[in-house]
PDB file of N, CA and C in Angstrom:
ATOM      1  N   MET A   1      -1.998   6.275  25.536  1.00  0.00           N
ATOM      2  CA  MET A   1      -3.068   6.144  24.578  1.00  0.00           C
ATOM      3  C   MET A   1      -2.700   5.133  23.481  1.00  0.00           C
ATOM      4  N   GLU A   2      -1.449   5.193  23.034  1.00  0.00           N
ATOM      5  CA  GLU A   2      -1.016   4.295  21.968  1.00  0.00           C
ATOM      6  C   GLU A   2      -1.122   2.836  22.390  1.00  0.00           C
ATOM      7  N   VAL A   3      -0.792   2.540  23.624  1.00  0.00           N
ATOM      8  CA  VAL A   3      -0.863   1.166  24.116  1.00  0.00           C
ATOM      9  C   VAL A   3      -2.298   0.652  24.054  1.00  0.00           C
ATOM     10  N   LYS A   4      -3.263   1.492  24.361  1.00  0.00           N
ATOM     11  CA  LYS A   4      -4.674   1.089  24.308  1.00  0.00           C
ATOM     12  C   LYS A   4      -5.117   0.760  22.887  1.00  0.00           C
ATOM     13  N   ARG A   5      -4.580   1.467  21.927  1.00  0.00           N
ATOM     14  CA  ARG A   5      -5.003   1.298  20.528  1.00  0.00           C
ATOM     15  C   ARG A   5      -4.152   0.313  19.742  1.00  0.00           C
ATOM     16  N   ARG A   6      -3.131  -0.205  20.355  1.00  0.00           N
ATOM     17  CA  ARG A   6      -2.245  -1.154  19.676  1.00  0.00           C
ATOM     18  C   ARG A   6      -3.025  -2.429  19.341  1.00  0.00           C
ATOM     19  N   PRO A   7      -2.863  -2.966  18.106  1.00  0.00           N
ATOM     20  CA  PRO A   7      -3.556  -4.206  17.755  1.00  0.00           C
ATOM     21  C   PRO A   7      -3.135  -5.365  18.666  1.00  0.00           C
ATOM     22  N   LEU A   8      -4.057  -6.262  18.912  1.00  0.00           N
ATOM     23  CA  LEU A   8      -3.746  -7.454  19.693  1.00  0.00           C
ATOM     24  C   LEU A   8      -2.697  -8.287  18.981  1.00  0.00           C
ATOM     25  N   ALA A   9      -1.888  -8.996  19.740  1.00  0.00           N
ATOM     26  CA  ALA A   9      -0.804  -9.791  19.149  1.00  0.00           C
ATOM     27  C   ALA A   9      -1.340 -10.901  18.244  1.00  0.00           C
ATOM     28  N   ASN A  10      -2.471 -11.482  18.582  1.00  0.00           N
ATOM     29  CA  ASN A  10      -2.996 -12.616  17.817  1.00  0.00           C
ATOM     30  C   ASN A  10      -4.268 -12.256  17.048  1.00  0.00           C
ATOM     31  N   TYR A  11      -4.378 -11.024  16.609  1.00  0.00           N
ATOM     32  CA  TYR A  11      -5.600 -10.581  15.949  1.00  0.00           C
ATOM     33  C   TYR A  11      -5.860 -11.317  14.640  1.00  0.00           C
ATOM     34  N   ILE A  12      -4.825 -11.716  13.932  1.00  0.00           N
ATOM     35  CA  ILE A  12      -5.037 -12.392  12.649  1.00  0.00           C
ATOM     36  C   ILE A  12      -5.736 -13.733  12.869  1.00  0.00           C
ATOM     37  N   GLU A  13      -5.286 -14.495  13.840  1.00  0.00           N
ATOM     38  CA  GLU A  13      -5.911 -15.789  14.115  1.00  0.00           C
ATOM     39  C   GLU A  13      -7.351 -15.620  14.590  1.00  0.00           C
ATOM     40  N   LYS A  14      -7.627 -14.553  15.324  1.00  0.00           N
ATOM     41  CA  LYS A  14      -8.964 -14.349  15.884  1.00  0.00           C
ATOM     42  C   LYS A  14      -9.946 -13.721  14.894  1.00  0.00           C
ATOM     43  N   VAL A  15      -9.472 -12.822  14.037  1.00  0.00           N
ATOM     44  CA  VAL A  15     -10.366 -12.055  13.168  1.00  0.00           C
ATOM     45  C   VAL A  15     -10.392 -12.587  11.741  1.00  0.00           C
ATOM     46  N   GLN A  16      -9.223 -12.864  11.186  1.00  0.00           N
ATOM     47  CA  GLN A  16      -9.126 -13.221   9.771  1.00  0.00           C
ATOM     48  C   GLN A  16      -9.417 -14.694   9.526  1.00  0.00           C
ATOM     49  N   LYS A  17     -10.120 -14.963   8.431  1.00  0.00           N
ATOM     50  CA  LYS A  17     -10.451 -16.336   8.076  1.00  0.00           C
ATOM     51  C   LYS A  17      -9.609 -16.835   6.901  1.00  0.00           C
ATOM     52  N   ASP A  18      -9.182 -15.902   6.045  1.00  0.00           N
ATOM     53  CA  ASP A  18      -8.459 -16.281   4.825  1.00  0.00           C
ATOM     54  C   ASP A  18      -7.015 -15.775   4.812  1.00  0.00           C
ATOM     55  N   VAL A  19      -6.691 -14.805   5.632  1.00  0.00           N
ATOM     56  CA  VAL A  19      -5.348 -14.214   5.682  1.00  0.00           C
ATOM     57  C   VAL A  19      -4.594 -14.815   6.866  1.00  0.00           C
ATOM     58  N   THR A  20      -3.338 -15.204   6.621  1.00  0.00           N
ATOM     59  CA  THR A  20      -2.518 -15.786   7.687  1.00  0.00           C
ATOM     60  C   THR A  20      -1.399 -14.830   8.098  1.00  0.00           C
ATOM     61  N   VAL A  21      -0.753 -15.165   9.191  1.00  0.00           N
ATOM     62  CA  VAL A  21       0.384 -14.372   9.678  1.00  0.00           C
ATOM     63  C   VAL A  21       1.497 -14.364   8.624  1.00  0.00           C
ATOM     64  N   ASN A  22       1.734 -15.496   7.987  1.00  0.00           N
ATOM     65  CA  ASN A  22       2.780 -15.563   6.959  1.00  0.00           C
ATOM     66  C   ASN A  22       2.469 -14.662   5.771  1.00  0.00           C
ATOM     67  N   MET A  23       1.204 -14.608   5.382  1.00  0.00           N
ATOM     68  CA  MET A  23       0.815 -13.729   4.267  1.00  0.00           C
ATOM     69  C   MET A  23       1.058 -12.271   4.630  1.00  0.00           C
ATOM     70  N   ARG A  24       0.718 -11.903   5.857  1.00  0.00           N
ATOM     71  CA  ARG A  24       0.952 -10.536   6.309  1.00  0.00           C
ATOM     72  C   ARG A  24       2.443 -10.232   6.281  1.00  0.00           C
ATOM     73  N   GLY A  25       3.254 -11.204   6.673  1.00  0.00           N
ATOM     74  CA  GLY A  25       4.710 -11.032   6.650  1.00  0.00           C
ATOM     75  C   GLY A  25       5.243 -10.834   5.245  1.00  0.00           C
ATOM     76  N   VAL A  26       4.739 -11.609   4.298  1.00  0.00           N
ATOM     77  CA  VAL A  26       5.153 -11.460   2.894  1.00  0.00           C
ATOM     78  C   VAL A  26       4.756 -10.075   2.386  1.00  0.00           C
ATOM     79  N   LEU A  27       3.571  -9.628   2.737  1.00  0.00           N
ATOM     80  CA  LEU A  27       3.122  -8.294   2.329  1.00  0.00           C
ATOM     81  C   LEU A  27       4.045  -7.214   2.886  1.00  0.00           C
ATOM     82  N   VAL A  28       4.383  -7.296   4.154  1.00  0.00           N
ATOM     83  CA  VAL A  28       5.255  -6.286   4.774  1.00  0.00           C
ATOM     84  C   VAL A  28       6.645  -6.329   4.134  1.00  0.00           C
ATOM     85  N   ASP A  29       7.181  -7.517   3.865  1.00  0.00           N
ATOM     86  CA  ASP A  29       8.482  -7.620   3.189  1.00  0.00           C
ATOM     87  C   ASP A  29       8.433  -6.943   1.824  1.00  0.00           C
ATOM     88  N   TRP A  30       7.351  -7.169   1.096  1.00  0.00           N
ATOM     89  CA  TRP A  30       7.191  -6.556  -0.218  1.00  0.00           C
ATOM     90  C   TRP A  30       7.106  -5.034  -0.088  1.00  0.00           C
ATOM     91  N   LEU A  31       6.371  -4.551   0.905  1.00  0.00           N
ATOM     92  CA  LEU A  31       6.247  -3.108   1.113  1.00  0.00           C
ATOM     93  C   LEU A  31       7.589  -2.473   1.476  1.00  0.00           C
ATOM     94  N   VAL A  32       8.441  -3.193   2.191  1.00  0.00           N
ATOM     95  CA  VAL A  32       9.781  -2.695   2.506  1.00  0.00           C
ATOM     96  C   VAL A  32      10.555  -2.482   1.205  1.00  0.00           C
ATOM     97  N   LYS A  33      10.451  -3.450   0.286  1.00  0.00           N
ATOM     98  CA  LYS A  33      11.142  -3.326  -1.000  1.00  0.00           C
ATOM     99  C   LYS A  33      10.588  -2.149  -1.806  1.00  0.00           C
ATOM    100  N   VAL A  34       9.276  -1.985  -1.790  1.00  0.00           N
ATOM    101  CA  VAL A  34       8.651  -0.853  -2.497  1.00  0.00           C
ATOM    102  C   VAL A  34       9.144   0.466  -1.904  1.00  0.00           C
ATOM    103  N   ALA A  35       9.183   0.541  -0.581  1.00  0.00           N
ATOM    104  CA  ALA A  35       9.636   1.770   0.084  1.00  0.00           C
ATOM    105  C   ALA A  35      11.084   2.086  -0.278  1.00  0.00           C
ATOM    106  N   GLU A  36      11.917   1.055  -0.364  1.00  0.00           N
ATOM    107  CA  GLU A  36      13.318   1.273  -0.751  1.00  0.00           C
ATOM    108  C   GLU A  36      13.409   1.720  -2.209  1.00  0.00           C
ATOM    109  N   GLU A  37      12.662   1.067  -3.079  1.00  0.00           N
ATOM    110  CA  GLU A  37      12.703   1.378  -4.504  1.00  0.00           C
ATOM    111  C   GLU A  37      12.282   2.821  -4.784  1.00  0.00           C
ATOM    112  N   TYR A  38      11.255   3.279  -4.095  1.00  0.00           N
ATOM    113  CA  TYR A  38      10.733   4.619  -4.331  1.00  0.00           C
ATOM    114  C   TYR A  38      11.259   5.651  -3.338  1.00  0.00           C
ATOM    115  N   LYS A  39      12.234   5.233  -2.537  1.00  0.00           N
ATOM    116  CA  LYS A  39      12.894   6.127  -1.576  1.00  0.00           C
ATOM    117  C   LYS A  39      11.884   6.858  -0.677  1.00  0.00           C
ATOM    118  N   LEU A  40      10.946   6.096  -0.142  1.00  0.00           N
ATOM    119  CA  LEU A  40       9.955   6.664   0.761  1.00  0.00           C
ATOM    120  C   LEU A  40      10.576   6.901   2.130  1.00  0.00           C
ATOM    121  N   LEU A  41      10.044   7.838   2.847  1.00  0.00           N
ATOM    122  CA  LEU A  41      10.513   8.096   4.207  1.00  0.00           C
ATOM    123  C   LEU A  41      10.193   6.901   5.097  1.00  0.00           C
ATOM    124  N   PRO A  42      11.053   6.618   6.077  1.00  0.00           N
ATOM    125  CA  PRO A  42      10.782   5.494   6.990  1.00  0.00           C
ATOM    126  C   PRO A  42       9.419   5.606   7.677  1.00  0.00           C
ATOM    127  N   ASP A  43       9.010   6.821   8.015  1.00  0.00           N
ATOM    128  CA  ASP A  43       7.704   7.011   8.652  1.00  0.00           C
ATOM    129  C   ASP A  43       6.566   6.526   7.762  1.00  0.00           C
ATOM    130  N   THR A  44       6.740   6.653   6.458  1.00  0.00           N
ATOM    131  CA  THR A  44       5.713   6.199   5.529  1.00  0.00           C
ATOM    132  C   THR A  44       5.501   4.699   5.664  1.00  0.00           C
ATOM    133  N   LEU A  45       6.584   3.959   5.752  1.00  0.00           N
ATOM    134  CA  LEU A  45       6.477   2.507   5.904  1.00  0.00           C
ATOM    135  C   LEU A  45       5.840   2.148   7.240  1.00  0.00           C
ATOM    136  N   TYR A  46       6.255   2.794   8.305  1.00  0.00           N
ATOM    137  CA  TYR A  46       5.691   2.508   9.632  1.00  0.00           C
ATOM    138  C   TYR A  46       4.188   2.790   9.660  1.00  0.00           C
ATOM    139  N   LEU A  47       3.781   3.916   9.073  1.00  0.00           N
ATOM    140  CA  LEU A  47       2.362   4.247   9.027  1.00  0.00           C
ATOM    141  C   LEU A  47       1.589   3.254   8.163  1.00  0.00           C
ATOM    142  N   THR A  48       2.184   2.847   7.057  1.00  0.00           N
ATOM    143  CA  THR A  48       1.540   1.877   6.176  1.00  0.00           C
ATOM    144  C   THR A  48       1.243   0.586   6.919  1.00  0.00           C
ATOM    145  N   VAL A  49       2.236   0.060   7.620  1.00  0.00           N
ATOM    146  CA  VAL A  49       2.053  -1.188   8.368  1.00  0.00           C
ATOM    147  C   VAL A  49       1.027  -0.997   9.484  1.00  0.00           C
ATOM    148  N   SER A  50       1.048   0.149  10.123  1.00  0.00           N
ATOM    149  CA  SER A  50       0.067   0.440  11.164  1.00  0.00           C
ATOM    150  C   SER A  50      -1.347   0.454  10.588  1.00  0.00           C
ATOM    151  N   TYR A  51      -1.529   1.094   9.432  1.00  0.00           N
ATOM    152  CA  TYR A  51      -2.843   1.128   8.784  1.00  0.00           C
ATOM    153  C   TYR A  51      -3.317  -0.284   8.452  1.00  0.00           C
ATOM    154  N   ILE A  52      -2.408  -1.115   7.948  1.00  0.00           N
ATOM    155  CA  ILE A  52      -2.757  -2.493   7.608  1.00  0.00           C
ATOM    156  C   ILE A  52      -3.201  -3.247   8.849  1.00  0.00           C
ATOM    157  N   HIS A  53      -2.432  -3.146   9.914  1.00  0.00           N
ATOM    158  CA  HIS A  53      -2.789  -3.843  11.159  1.00  0.00           C
ATOM    159  C   HIS A  53      -4.146  -3.390  11.671  1.00  0.00           C
ATOM    160  N   ARG A  54      -4.361  -2.107  11.690  1.00  0.00           N
ATOM    161  CA  ARG A  54      -5.619  -1.577  12.220  1.00  0.00           C
ATOM    162  C   ARG A  54      -6.811  -1.987  11.356  1.00  0.00           C
ATOM    163  N   PHE A  55      -6.621  -2.041  10.048  1.00  0.00           N
ATOM    164  CA  PHE A  55      -7.700  -2.480   9.159  1.00  0.00           C
ATOM    165  C   PHE A  55      -8.004  -3.956   9.386  1.00  0.00           C
ATOM    166  N   LEU A  56      -6.947  -4.783   9.426  1.00  0.00           N
ATOM    167  CA  LEU A  56      -7.144  -6.226   9.598  1.00  0.00           C
ATOM    168  C   LEU A  56      -7.711  -6.579  10.968  1.00  0.00           C
ATOM    169  N   LEU A  57      -7.522  -5.709  11.926  1.00  0.00           N
ATOM    170  CA  LEU A  57      -8.044  -5.941  13.271  1.00  0.00           C
ATOM    171  C   LEU A  57      -9.566  -5.912  13.304  1.00  0.00           C
ATOM    172  N   VAL A  58     -10.176  -5.107  12.445  1.00  0.00           N
ATOM    173  CA  VAL A  58     -11.633  -4.946  12.518  1.00  0.00           C
ATOM    174  C   VAL A  58     -12.378  -5.348  11.245  1.00  0.00           C
ATOM    175  N   ASN A  59     -11.663  -5.719  10.190  1.00  0.00           N
ATOM    176  CA  ASN A  59     -12.304  -6.093   8.926  1.00  0.00           C
ATOM    177  C   ASN A  59     -11.787  -7.436   8.442  1.00  0.00           C
ATOM    178  N   VAL A  60     -12.691  -8.328   8.105  1.00  0.00           N
ATOM    179  CA  VAL A  60     -12.295  -9.611   7.513  1.00  0.00           C
ATOM    180  C   VAL A  60     -11.958  -9.345   6.053  1.00  0.00           C
ATOM    181  N   LEU A  61     -10.808  -9.846   5.619  1.00  0.00           N
ATOM    182  CA  LEU A  61     -10.331  -9.577   4.263  1.00  0.00           C
ATOM    183  C   LEU A  61     -10.039 -10.887   3.549  1.00  0.00           C
ATOM    184  N   ASN A  62     -10.373 -10.948   2.296  1.00  0.00           N
ATOM    185  CA  ASN A  62     -10.055 -12.142   1.519  1.00  0.00           C
ATOM    186  C   ASN A  62      -8.629 -11.993   0.967  1.00  0.00           C
ATOM    187  N   ARG A  63      -7.923 -13.091   0.870  1.00  0.00           N
ATOM    188  CA  ARG A  63      -6.485 -13.050   0.546  1.00  0.00           C
ATOM    189  C   ARG A  63      -6.179 -12.384  -0.789  1.00  0.00           C
ATOM    190  N   GLN A  64      -7.114 -12.430  -1.736  1.00  0.00           N
ATOM    191  CA  GLN A  64      -6.880 -11.797  -3.032  1.00  0.00           C
ATOM    192  C   GLN A  64      -6.809 -10.279  -2.925  1.00  0.00           C
ATOM    193  N   ARG A  65      -7.271  -9.706  -1.838  1.00  0.00           N
ATOM    194  CA  ARG A  65      -7.270  -8.253  -1.685  1.00  0.00           C
ATOM    195  C   ARG A  65      -6.190  -7.754  -0.721  1.00  0.00           C
ATOM    196  N   LEU A  66      -5.377  -8.655  -0.220  1.00  0.00           N
ATOM    197  CA  LEU A  66      -4.362  -8.264   0.755  1.00  0.00           C
ATOM    198  C   LEU A  66      -3.343  -7.296   0.160  1.00  0.00           C
ATOM    199  N   GLN A  67      -2.856  -7.584  -1.033  1.00  0.00           N
ATOM    200  CA  GLN A  67      -1.879  -6.687  -1.652  1.00  0.00           C
ATOM    201  C   GLN A  67      -2.516  -5.330  -1.982  1.00  0.00           C
ATOM    202  N   LEU A  68      -3.776  -5.338  -2.375  1.00  0.00           N
ATOM    203  CA  LEU A  68      -4.487  -4.092  -2.627  1.00  0.00           C
ATOM    204  C   LEU A  68      -4.569  -3.255  -1.354  1.00  0.00           C
ATOM    205  N   LEU A  69      -4.813  -3.905  -0.222  1.00  0.00           N
ATOM    206  CA  LEU A  69      -4.812  -3.200   1.058  1.00  0.00           C
ATOM    207  C   LEU A  69      -3.448  -2.561   1.313  1.00  0.00           C
ATOM    208  N   GLY A  70      -2.374  -3.309   1.042  1.00  0.00           N
ATOM    209  CA  GLY A  70      -1.021  -2.783   1.256  1.00  0.00           C
ATOM    210  C   GLY A  70      -0.738  -1.561   0.402  1.00  0.00           C
ATOM    211  N   VAL A  71      -1.068  -1.644  -0.866  1.00  0.00           N
ATOM    212  CA  VAL A  71      -0.813  -0.525  -1.777  1.00  0.00           C
ATOM    213  C   VAL A  71      -1.678   0.674  -1.397  1.00  0.00           C
ATOM    214  N   SER A  72      -2.919   0.396  -1.011  1.00  0.00           N
ATOM    215  CA  SER A  72      -3.829   1.483  -0.627  1.00  0.00           C
ATOM    216  C   SER A  72      -3.378   2.186   0.648  1.00  0.00           C
ATOM    217  N   SER A  73      -2.628   1.487   1.457  1.00  0.00           N
ATOM    218  CA  SER A  73      -2.187   2.043   2.735  1.00  0.00           C
ATOM    219  C   SER A  73      -0.948   2.919   2.609  1.00  0.00           C
ATOM    220  N   VAL A  74      -0.261   2.838   1.494  1.00  0.00           N
ATOM    221  CA  VAL A  74       0.959   3.632   1.301  1.00  0.00           C
ATOM    222  C   VAL A  74       0.577   5.070   0.972  1.00  0.00           C
ATOM    223  N   LYS A  75       1.181   5.966   1.673  1.00  0.00           N
ATOM    224  CA  LYS A  75       0.975   7.386   1.400  1.00  0.00           C
ATOM    225  C   LYS A  75       2.361   8.004   1.222  1.00  0.00           C
ATOM    226  N   LYS A  76       2.667   8.393   0.024  1.00  0.00           N
ATOM    227  CA  LYS A  76       3.994   8.939  -0.263  1.00  0.00           C
ATOM    228  C   LYS A  76       4.143  10.312   0.370  1.00  0.00           C
ATOM    229  N   ARG A  77       5.249  10.501   1.039  1.00  0.00           N
ATOM    230  CA  ARG A  77       5.574  11.786   1.666  1.00  0.00           C
ATOM    231  C   ARG A  77       6.872  12.289   1.061  1.00  0.00           C
ATOM    232  N   SER A  78       6.982  13.560   0.877  1.00  0.00           N
ATOM    233  CA  SER A  78       8.202  14.125   0.274  1.00  0.00           C
ATOM    234  C   SER A  78       9.329  14.179   1.283  1.00  0.00           C
ATOM    235  N   ARG A  79      10.543  14.129   0.769  1.00  0.00           N
ATOM    236  CA  ARG A  79      11.735  14.200   1.618  1.00  0.00           C
ATOM    237  C   ARG A  79      12.124  15.620   1.870  1.00  0.00           C
TER     238      ARG A  79
END
């Protein structure tokens, strides 16, 4: 089931008009630092990135809202 729902490898080029692969990479790098700073569980980071990918797969997003998407996707879980 997971394989069927996995985002396409080139979804950013096909769906997004203002967001690039490099921007997504910068966002994920920043989220890694946030997760380390706040000592979030590794699963939290994995889910966050998954939420971002799934959102970008079906919604066109303007680059000014990319970081907002990243922050909105983080869900803090207790250790």
